[in-house]
Amino acid sequence: MNFEIDFLPVGEGSGDAIVVRYGNDAEGYLLHVTDGGRTDTADTVIDHIKTYYPGFFINHMVLSHADNDHACGLIGVMKKIKVEHLWMNRPWLYADQILHHFHGNFTLQGLIQDIRDRHPYLVELERLARLQGTRIHDAFQGARIGKFTVLAPSRDRYIRLIPDFGKTPDRYSTEAASLETYGLLRSLVEKAKRLFEDWDIETLARTASTSASNESCVVQHATLDGKGILLTADVGPIGLTEAWVCAQQLGLPRPGFIQVPHHGSRHNVTPDVLDRWLGKKQPPGTVIGTAYCSVGANKHDYPRAQVKNAFMRRGYPVYSTRKTGLSHFHGPGHANTSPAVAESFSFEVEPL
């Protein structure tokens, strides 16, 4: 089976826009789009598809989670290219199961409307899908999206996360950290001395946490031509662990290709999580697979040095998009694909 995995540039800031095509000449090909970056990334996705896959429509469009830098660009794509299936999780559909968190501050209909108002781009994607006859599906653990299987989130865990989403009303019990405390912590970090690593010294934190929205990300796995492909979006350690357990139960292979979560943030991976997915540290120069990282053009400190070093130690050189896209393929690929250059190992890394 031939395949191409295209990580498209998303401009100055962060975001994801991924186009996957797989199949063969005899049986045909499927086009699978995951995320669309911000609003202005839509033209990048549209131009890419029209240039390299002329005449194709999108068989499966997947929204990994409800953050603007992943969702907004898909609206423009849907307006210009036919989409057969849209996979996205809509938090307002589960309002009846989270209403008790708000201690009578909302009626059920009021909570539904409040959540919808906070997610106008999801509402617009839903409207466009219904207008065009696109089928909308939930994207929970076990769902099959063409050759891809959703490994996370489970439906129950997703629902438990909704009250803590940044675009959900504050739950009654939430106690947010004060801006004063946050500013103090940030200043302490900025003043800390940088650390040093070598191949045998790993300083990546043993524990890490990210936002509830990130932990709700759709994690997808496909086996294409015998090679495991893992798309992680902005998921964190909890979602990655849930996905790994599911992969073990399904007997899925170790990924030969993996997306570095959340643009290479240190809040999304730990040594234990990487050991589960990728294996233990390898001798220098060992290459087991490939890791792609979607990085904005002006995000010069991403992927974080501790993160890229950790992937490299386990045999996965890291390639970053920045100003240009990346294409990983088996088969003919794109005629003008230029060789990508992997990130270098960093001996000086960020403070803990």
Protein backbone atom coordinates (compact mmCIF):
# COMPACT_ATOMS: atom_id res chain seq x y z
CA MET A 1 0.00 0.00 0.00
CA ASN A 2 1.31 3.43 -0.92
CA PHE A 3 0.92 6.33 1.48
CA GLU A 4 1.92 9.94 2.00
CA ILE A 5 1.73 11.77 5.33
CA ASP A 6 1.96 15.52 4.77
CA PHE A 7 2.53 17.89 7.70
CA LEU A 8 1.75 21.33 6.30
CA PRO A 9 3.22 24.64 7.52
CA VAL A 10 0.82 26.55 9.77
CA GLY A 11 2.32 30.04 9.73
CA GLU A 12 3.97 31.95 12.55
CA GLY A 13 2.17 30.31 15.47
CA SER A 14 1.53 26.74 16.46
CA GLY A 15 -1.10 24.41 15.06
CA ASP A 16 -1.57 21.20 13.12
CA ALA A 17 -2.66 20.56 9.55
CA ILE A 18 -2.07 17.00 8.35
CA VAL A 19 -3.08 15.41 5.05
CA VAL A 20 -2.74 11.64 4.63
CA ARG A 21 -3.38 9.76 1.39
CA TYR A 22 -3.17 5.97 1.22
CA GLY A 23 -4.18 3.16 -1.15
CA ASN A 24 -3.05 1.85 -4.52
CA ASP A 25 -3.78 2.32 -8.21
CA ALA A 26 -5.84 -0.87 -8.46
CA GLU A 27 -8.22 -0.25 -5.54
CA GLY A 28 -8.07 3.52 -5.32
CA TYR A 29 -6.95 5.97 -2.65
CA LEU A 30 -8.48 7.58 0.43
CA LEU A 31 -7.78 11.13 1.60
CA HIS A 32 -7.68 11.65 5.38
CA VAL A 33 -7.27 15.16 6.82
CA THR A 34 -6.53 15.72 10.51
CA ASP A 35 -6.86 19.31 11.75
CA GLY A 36 -6.59 22.45 9.68
CA GLY A 37 -4.60 24.96 11.71
CA ARG A 38 -5.96 28.47 12.14
CA THR A 39 -8.29 30.24 9.72
CA ASP A 40 -5.56 31.30 7.27
CA THR A 41 -4.16 27.75 7.12
CA ALA A 42 -7.26 26.66 5.17
CA ASP A 43 -5.79 27.97 1.91
CA THR A 44 -2.59 26.01 2.54
CA VAL A 45 -4.56 22.78 2.94
CA ILE A 46 -6.77 23.49 -0.09
CA ASP A 47 -3.82 24.38 -2.33
CA HIS A 48 -1.92 21.29 -1.23
CA ILE A 49 -4.80 18.96 -2.04
CA LYS A 50 -5.51 20.62 -5.38
CA THR A 51 -1.83 20.51 -6.34
CA TYR A 52 -0.94 16.95 -5.31
CA TYR A 53 -4.31 15.21 -5.24
CA PRO A 54 -6.35 16.92 -7.98
CA GLY A 55 -9.89 15.66 -8.27
CA PHE A 56 -9.89 14.15 -4.79
CA PHE A 57 -12.50 14.81 -2.15
CA ILE A 58 -11.82 14.25 1.56
CA ASN A 59 -13.03 10.84 2.69
CA HIS A 60 -12.37 11.50 6.36
CA MET A 61 -11.86 14.83 8.12
CA VAL A 62 -10.82 14.53 11.78
CA LEU A 63 -10.77 17.31 14.35
CA SER A 64 -8.44 16.21 17.13
CA HIS A 65 -9.80 18.65 19.74
CA ALA A 66 -11.54 21.98 20.10
CA ASP A 67 -8.56 24.37 20.13
CA ASN A 68 -8.53 27.19 17.57
CA ASP A 69 -5.14 26.29 16.10
CA HIS A 70 -6.49 22.90 15.04
CA ALA A 71 -10.15 23.60 14.29
CA CYS A 72 -10.61 26.94 12.57
CA GLY A 73 -8.86 26.12 9.29
CA LEU A 74 -11.16 23.15 8.69
CA ILE A 75 -14.08 25.55 8.12
CA GLY A 76 -12.48 27.03 5.01
CA VAL A 77 -11.51 23.57 3.78
CA MET A 78 -15.09 22.31 4.11
CA LYS A 79 -16.34 25.29 2.11
CA LYS A 80 -14.11 24.43 -0.85
CA ILE A 81 -13.68 20.63 -0.83
CA LYS A 82 -16.29 17.93 -0.43
CA VAL A 83 -16.03 16.00 2.84
CA GLU A 84 -17.64 12.57 3.12
CA HIS A 85 -17.19 11.97 6.87
CA LEU A 86 -16.47 14.47 9.65
CA TRP A 87 -15.14 13.09 12.94
CA MET A 88 -15.29 15.44 15.92
CA ASN A 89 -16.38 15.41 19.54
CA ARG A 90 -18.94 18.07 20.46
CA PRO A 91 -18.94 18.75 24.21
CA TRP A 92 -22.50 20.12 24.36
CA LEU A 93 -23.88 16.69 23.43
CA TYR A 94 -22.95 15.51 26.94
CA ALA A 95 -24.31 18.48 28.89
CA ASP A 96 -26.85 16.30 30.69
CA GLN A 97 -23.99 14.20 32.12
CA ILE A 98 -22.00 17.17 33.46
CA LEU A 99 -24.83 19.45 34.59
CA HIS A 100 -24.38 18.43 38.24
CA HIS A 101 -20.91 20.05 38.27
CA PHE A 102 -22.50 23.49 38.04
CA HIS A 103 -24.70 23.32 41.15
CA GLY A 104 -27.86 24.80 39.68
CA ASN A 105 -26.18 27.68 37.87
CA PHE A 106 -27.59 26.41 34.57
CA THR A 107 -30.62 24.69 33.22
CA LEU A 108 -29.75 21.87 30.83
CA GLN A 109 -30.68 23.93 27.79
CA GLY A 110 -28.81 26.90 29.20
CA LEU A 111 -25.63 24.85 29.63
CA ILE A 112 -25.94 23.44 26.11
CA GLN A 113 -26.29 26.93 24.66
CA ASP A 114 -23.42 28.29 26.76
CA ILE A 115 -21.03 25.58 25.57
CA ARG A 116 -22.14 26.02 21.95
CA ASP A 117 -21.58 29.78 22.21
CA ARG A 118 -18.02 29.15 23.38
CA HIS A 119 -17.29 26.88 20.39
CA PRO A 120 -18.52 28.83 17.34
CA TYR A 121 -16.11 27.06 14.98
CA LEU A 122 -17.42 23.63 16.02
CA VAL A 123 -20.98 24.87 15.54
CA GLU A 124 -20.02 26.15 12.09
CA LEU A 125 -18.40 22.83 11.14
CA GLU A 126 -21.58 21.07 12.26
CA ARG A 127 -23.70 23.47 10.19
CA LEU A 128 -21.59 23.03 7.07
CA ALA A 129 -21.63 19.26 7.44
CA ARG A 130 -25.40 19.16 7.68
CA LEU A 131 -25.75 21.56 4.76
CA GLN A 132 -23.48 19.44 2.53
CA GLY A 133 -24.73 16.02 3.60
CA THR A 134 -21.47 15.16 5.37
CA ARG A 135 -21.91 12.44 7.99
CA ILE A 136 -20.79 13.52 11.49
CA HIS A 137 -19.31 10.92 13.83
CA ASP A 138 -18.01 10.91 17.40
CA ALA A 139 -14.30 10.11 17.62
CA PHE A 140 -13.95 7.90 20.67
CA GLN A 141 -11.73 4.95 21.48
CA GLY A 142 -12.43 2.01 19.18
CA ALA A 143 -13.86 4.02 16.27
CA ARG A 144 -12.54 2.99 12.85
CA ILE A 145 -11.75 5.86 10.50
CA GLY A 146 -10.75 4.18 7.26
CA LYS A 147 -7.48 2.41 8.06
CA PHE A 148 -7.10 4.41 11.27
CA THR A 149 -8.31 3.34 14.72
CA VAL A 150 -9.03 5.82 17.50
CA LEU A 151 -7.04 4.78 20.59
CA ALA A 152 -8.05 7.73 22.80
CA PRO A 153 -10.01 9.34 24.29
CA SER A 154 -12.44 6.85 25.73
CA ARG A 155 -15.96 8.23 25.84
CA ASP A 156 -16.14 8.19 29.64
CA ARG A 157 -12.82 9.98 30.12
CA TYR A 158 -13.77 12.63 27.55
CA ILE A 159 -17.00 13.39 29.41
CA ARG A 160 -15.13 13.63 32.73
CA LEU A 161 -12.78 16.20 31.16
CA ILE A 162 -15.46 18.53 29.76
CA PRO A 163 -16.07 20.57 32.97
CA ASP A 164 -12.37 21.51 32.99
CA PHE A 165 -12.12 22.60 29.36
CA GLY A 166 -10.96 26.18 28.95
CA LYS A 167 -14.07 26.92 26.90
CA THR A 168 -16.53 25.41 29.36
CA PRO A 169 -18.09 27.51 32.16
CA ASP A 170 -16.10 27.34 35.39
CA ARG A 171 -17.29 24.41 37.45
CA TYR A 172 -18.41 25.26 40.97
CA SER A 173 -15.43 23.54 42.61
CA THR A 174 -12.70 24.98 40.38
CA GLU A 175 -10.08 27.12 42.11
CA ALA A 176 -7.88 28.80 39.51
CA ALA A 177 -4.35 29.87 40.36
CA SER A 178 -4.00 33.63 40.79
CA LEU A 179 -2.23 35.67 38.13
CA GLU A 180 0.19 36.85 40.82
CA THR A 181 1.23 33.29 41.66
CA TYR A 182 1.54 32.40 37.99
CA GLY A 183 3.75 35.41 37.34
CA LEU A 184 6.03 34.51 40.24
CA LEU A 185 6.46 30.93 39.06
CA ARG A 186 7.17 32.08 35.53
CA SER A 187 9.82 34.54 36.67
CA LEU A 188 11.53 31.84 38.73
CA VAL A 189 11.66 29.53 35.74
CA GLU A 190 13.01 32.24 33.46
CA LYS A 191 15.80 32.95 35.93
CA ALA A 192 16.78 29.30 36.37
CA LYS A 193 20.05 28.10 34.91
CA ARG A 194 19.90 25.86 31.89
CA LEU A 195 20.67 22.17 32.25
CA PHE A 196 23.02 19.94 30.32
CA GLU A 197 22.40 16.51 28.87
CA ASP A 198 24.38 13.90 27.03
CA TRP A 199 23.21 10.63 25.48
CA ASP A 200 23.12 8.90 28.87
CA ILE A 201 21.68 11.77 30.92
CA GLU A 202 17.98 12.52 30.43
CA THR A 203 16.42 15.40 32.38
CA LEU A 204 12.88 15.18 30.96
CA ALA A 205 10.52 15.31 33.94
CA ARG A 206 9.09 12.02 35.25
CA THR A 207 5.71 13.67 35.74
CA ALA A 208 3.96 16.14 33.46
CA SER A 209 0.50 17.54 32.94
CA THR A 210 -1.28 19.50 30.25
CA SER A 211 -4.74 21.04 29.84
CA ALA A 212 -7.98 19.08 29.90
CA SER A 213 -8.61 20.10 26.30
CA ASN A 214 -5.26 18.65 25.23
CA GLU A 215 -5.91 15.44 27.14
CA SER A 216 -9.16 15.08 25.18
CA CYS A 217 -7.27 14.84 21.87
CA VAL A 218 -8.12 12.13 19.38
CA VAL A 219 -5.14 9.75 19.09
CA GLN A 220 -5.16 7.76 15.84
CA HIS A 221 -3.20 4.70 14.76
CA ALA A 222 -3.01 3.04 11.36
CA THR A 223 -0.91 0.22 9.98
CA LEU A 224 0.01 1.17 6.42
CA ASP A 225 2.15 -1.24 4.43
CA GLY A 226 3.06 -2.95 7.70
CA LYS A 227 4.23 0.28 9.32
CA GLY A 228 2.55 1.71 12.43
CA ILE A 229 1.50 5.36 12.09
CA LEU A 230 0.61 7.30 15.26
CA LEU A 231 -1.00 10.76 15.17
CA THR A 232 -1.10 12.36 18.61
CA ALA A 233 -2.19 16.03 18.16
CA ASP A 234 -1.74 17.84 21.52
CA VAL A 235 -2.45 14.88 23.79
CA GLY A 236 -0.70 14.56 27.14
CA PRO A 237 0.64 11.70 29.29
CA ILE A 238 -2.80 10.52 30.43
CA GLY A 239 -4.19 10.24 26.91
CA LEU A 240 -0.99 8.69 25.59
CA THR A 241 -1.09 6.06 28.32
CA GLU A 242 -4.75 5.30 27.64
CA ALA A 243 -3.92 5.00 23.93
CA TRP A 244 -0.96 2.69 24.63
CA VAL A 245 -3.11 0.35 26.74
CA CYS A 246 -5.64 0.19 23.91
CA ALA A 247 -2.88 -0.47 21.37
CA GLN A 248 -1.58 -3.35 23.48
CA GLN A 249 -5.03 -4.87 23.72
CA LEU A 250 -5.41 -4.65 19.94
CA GLY A 251 -1.93 -6.04 19.30
CA LEU A 252 -0.86 -3.01 17.28
CA PRO A 253 2.78 -2.64 16.23
CA ARG A 254 5.20 -0.09 17.65
CA PRO A 255 4.89 3.02 15.49
CA GLY A 256 7.43 3.47 12.74
CA PHE A 257 6.14 7.01 12.37
CA ILE A 258 4.95 9.20 15.25
CA GLN A 259 3.81 12.77 15.67
CA VAL A 260 5.60 14.58 18.50
CA PRO A 261 2.72 15.73 20.74
CA HIS A 262 1.85 19.40 21.17
CA HIS A 263 4.63 20.83 19.00
CA GLY A 264 7.31 19.36 21.26
CA SER A 265 6.08 20.70 24.61
CA ARG A 266 7.57 19.26 27.80
CA HIS A 267 4.10 19.06 29.35
CA ASN A 268 2.94 16.22 27.11
CA VAL A 269 5.47 13.40 27.35
CA THR A 270 7.43 11.67 30.09
CA PRO A 271 10.26 9.10 29.91
CA ASP A 272 7.89 6.31 31.01
CA VAL A 273 5.32 7.16 28.33
CA LEU A 274 8.00 7.25 25.63
CA ASP A 275 9.49 3.97 26.86
CA ARG A 276 6.07 2.33 26.47
CA TRP A 277 5.45 3.62 22.98
CA LEU A 278 8.96 3.70 21.50
CA GLY A 279 11.10 1.42 23.68
CA LYS A 280 14.16 2.06 25.80
CA LYS A 281 17.23 4.12 25.00
CA GLN A 282 19.25 2.92 22.00
CA PRO A 283 22.93 3.32 21.09
CA PRO A 284 23.75 6.66 19.43
CA GLY A 285 22.92 6.71 15.73
CA THR A 286 20.23 4.01 15.95
CA VAL A 287 17.20 4.74 13.78
CA ILE A 288 14.03 2.74 14.46
CA GLY A 289 11.41 5.16 13.21
CA THR A 290 10.61 8.77 12.34
CA ALA A 291 9.08 11.59 14.39
CA TYR A 292 7.45 14.70 12.88
CA CYS A 293 6.79 17.87 14.86
CA SER A 294 4.50 20.69 13.72
CA VAL A 295 6.22 23.92 14.74
CA GLY A 296 5.30 27.52 13.94
CA ALA A 297 7.79 29.58 11.94
CA ASN A 298 8.52 31.88 14.88
CA LYS A 299 8.59 29.18 17.58
CA HIS A 300 12.36 28.93 17.66
CA ASP A 301 12.50 27.19 21.04
CA TYR A 302 10.27 24.31 19.90
CA PRO A 303 10.42 21.38 19.93
CA ARG A 304 11.87 21.60 23.42
CA ALA A 305 15.41 20.25 23.58
CA GLN A 306 14.59 17.72 26.31
CA VAL A 307 11.76 16.34 24.19
CA LYS A 308 13.63 15.99 20.89
CA ASN A 309 16.60 14.45 22.73
CA ALA A 310 14.26 11.92 24.35
CA PHE A 311 12.83 10.87 20.98
CA MET A 312 16.31 10.63 19.46
CA ARG A 313 17.60 8.42 22.29
CA ARG A 314 14.85 5.93 21.51
CA GLY A 315 15.73 5.78 17.82
CA TYR A 316 13.32 8.39 16.45
CA PRO A 317 15.01 11.39 14.80
CA VAL A 318 12.78 14.47 14.92
CA TYR A 319 11.88 16.57 11.87
CA SER A 320 10.10 19.93 12.28
CA THR A 321 7.89 21.85 9.86
CA ARG A 322 8.64 25.50 10.72
CA LYS A 323 8.37 27.43 7.41
CA THR A 324 8.01 24.42 5.13
CA GLY A 325 5.95 21.27 5.13
CA LEU A 326 7.16 17.72 5.55
CA SER A 327 6.14 14.61 3.62
CA HIS A 328 6.73 11.06 4.83
CA PHE A 329 5.82 8.49 2.22
CA HIS A 330 6.01 4.93 0.98
CA GLY A 331 5.67 4.65 -2.77
CA PRO A 332 6.12 7.39 -5.36
CA GLY A 333 5.55 10.34 -3.01
CA HIS A 334 5.59 13.91 -4.30
CA ALA A 335 7.71 14.77 -7.30
CA ASN A 336 9.25 17.88 -5.70
CA THR A 337 9.82 16.51 -2.20
CA SER A 338 13.13 17.76 -0.83
CA PRO A 339 15.16 15.78 1.71
CA ALA A 340 14.32 16.89 5.25
CA VAL A 341 17.00 17.63 7.84
CA ALA A 342 16.55 16.18 11.33
CA GLU A 343 16.89 18.23 14.48
CA SER A 344 20.31 18.06 16.13
CA PHE A 345 20.89 16.61 19.58
CA SER A 346 21.08 19.41 22.16
CA PHE A 347 23.58 19.25 25.00
CA GLU A 348 22.19 22.42 26.59
CA VAL A 349 18.50 22.11 27.47
CA GLU A 350 15.73 24.01 29.24
CA PRO A 351 15.56 24.20 33.04
CA LEU A 352 13.19 21.91 34.89
